[in-house]
Amino acid sequence: MAKKLFVGNLSYNMTDEQLNAVFAPFGTIISANIVFDKFSHRSKGFGFVEFETEEMAQAALSLDGSEQDGRNIAVKEALPRPERPQM
């Protein structure tokens, strides 16, 4: 079963490909996406990495606090997205 991780405090210059490369040594990545502001198209400084298995994601949690592109990143299990009220 796939497991998604939240990655915070990313450099604003980091790309999806670079994020993927940082986490690739821990296993098969389904997706690695940085979140961008929809108006300014600038990185918000966080993203998500989804691994193929729970074990791979657990191993990648060891990157929490590590230095990447000049910043100490935060790596945590992603929380489920809250449901939005229907209008």
Protein backbone atom coordinates (compact mmCIF):
# COMPACT_ATOMS: atom_id res chain seq x y z
CA MET A 1 0.00 0.00 0.00
CA ALA A 2 1.33 3.44 -0.95
CA LYS A 3 2.38 5.87 1.77
CA LYS A 4 2.66 9.65 1.39
CA LEU A 5 5.13 11.88 3.23
CA PHE A 6 5.00 15.64 3.81
CA VAL A 7 8.30 17.43 3.17
CA GLY A 8 8.60 20.96 4.54
CA ASN A 9 11.14 23.79 4.64
CA LEU A 10 12.24 23.12 1.07
CA SER A 11 14.36 25.58 -0.87
CA TYR A 12 12.18 27.73 -3.13
CA ASN A 13 14.50 26.75 -6.01
CA MET A 14 13.99 22.98 -5.64
CA THR A 15 12.22 21.17 -8.49
CA ASP A 16 10.07 18.04 -8.49
CA GLU A 17 12.97 16.16 -10.11
CA GLN A 18 15.40 17.23 -7.39
CA LEU A 19 12.90 16.24 -4.68
CA ASN A 20 12.55 12.84 -6.35
CA ALA A 21 16.35 12.43 -6.45
CA VAL A 22 16.67 13.17 -2.71
CA PHE A 23 14.20 10.41 -1.80
CA ALA A 24 15.02 7.87 -4.56
CA PRO A 25 17.62 5.95 -2.47
CA PHE A 26 14.87 4.86 -0.08
CA GLY A 27 12.75 3.00 -2.64
CA THR A 28 10.28 3.24 -5.48
CA ILE A 29 8.63 6.65 -5.66
CA ILE A 30 5.14 6.92 -7.10
CA SER A 31 5.13 10.73 -7.08
CA ALA A 32 7.19 13.65 -5.82
CA ASN A 33 5.49 17.04 -6.08
CA ILE A 34 6.29 20.51 -4.79
CA VAL A 35 3.28 22.71 -4.07
CA PHE A 36 3.14 26.01 -5.96
CA ASP A 37 1.03 29.12 -5.36
CA LYS A 38 -1.64 29.21 -8.05
CA PHE A 39 -1.37 32.98 -8.56
CA SER A 40 2.35 33.73 -8.34
CA HIS A 41 3.48 30.25 -9.52
CA ARG A 42 6.18 30.37 -6.81
CA SER A 43 7.02 27.38 -4.64
CA LYS A 44 5.35 27.39 -1.24
CA GLY A 45 8.38 25.63 0.25
CA PHE A 46 6.77 22.26 0.85
CA GLY A 47 5.74 19.18 -1.07
CA PHE A 48 4.75 15.53 -0.92
CA VAL A 49 6.53 12.29 -1.78
CA GLU A 50 4.54 9.08 -2.22
CA PHE A 51 6.31 5.73 -1.86
CA GLU A 52 5.20 2.33 -3.11
CA THR A 53 5.30 0.74 0.37
CA GLU A 54 5.00 1.75 4.01
CA GLU A 55 8.49 0.36 4.74
CA MET A 56 10.13 2.60 2.14
CA ALA A 57 8.35 5.65 3.54
CA GLN A 58 9.38 4.76 7.10
CA ALA A 59 13.03 4.53 5.99
CA ALA A 60 12.77 7.94 4.29
CA LEU A 61 11.63 9.54 7.55
CA SER A 62 15.31 9.43 8.53
CA LEU A 63 15.83 12.49 6.29
CA ASP A 64 13.95 14.64 8.83
CA GLY A 65 16.28 17.46 9.83
CA SER A 66 18.82 16.75 7.10
CA GLU A 67 20.31 19.57 5.04
CA GLN A 68 19.10 19.78 1.43
CA ASP A 69 19.93 22.71 -0.83
CA GLY A 70 20.98 24.85 2.15
CA ARG A 71 17.92 24.17 4.34
CA ASN A 72 17.11 21.64 7.06
CA ILE A 73 14.04 19.84 5.72
CA ALA A 74 11.16 18.46 7.78
CA VAL A 75 9.86 15.01 6.80
CA LYS A 76 6.66 13.68 8.38
CA GLU A 77 3.81 11.34 7.53
CA ALA A 78 1.25 13.24 5.47
CA LEU A 79 -2.14 13.74 7.08
CA PRO A 80 -5.25 12.91 5.08
CA ARG A 81 -6.66 15.86 3.18
CA PRO A 82 -9.67 17.33 5.03
CA GLU A 83 -12.97 17.18 3.22
CA ARG A 84 -14.27 20.49 1.95
CA PRO A 85 -17.91 21.35 2.47
CA GLN A 86 -20.07 21.04 -0.64
CA MET A 87 -21.58 24.27 -1.87
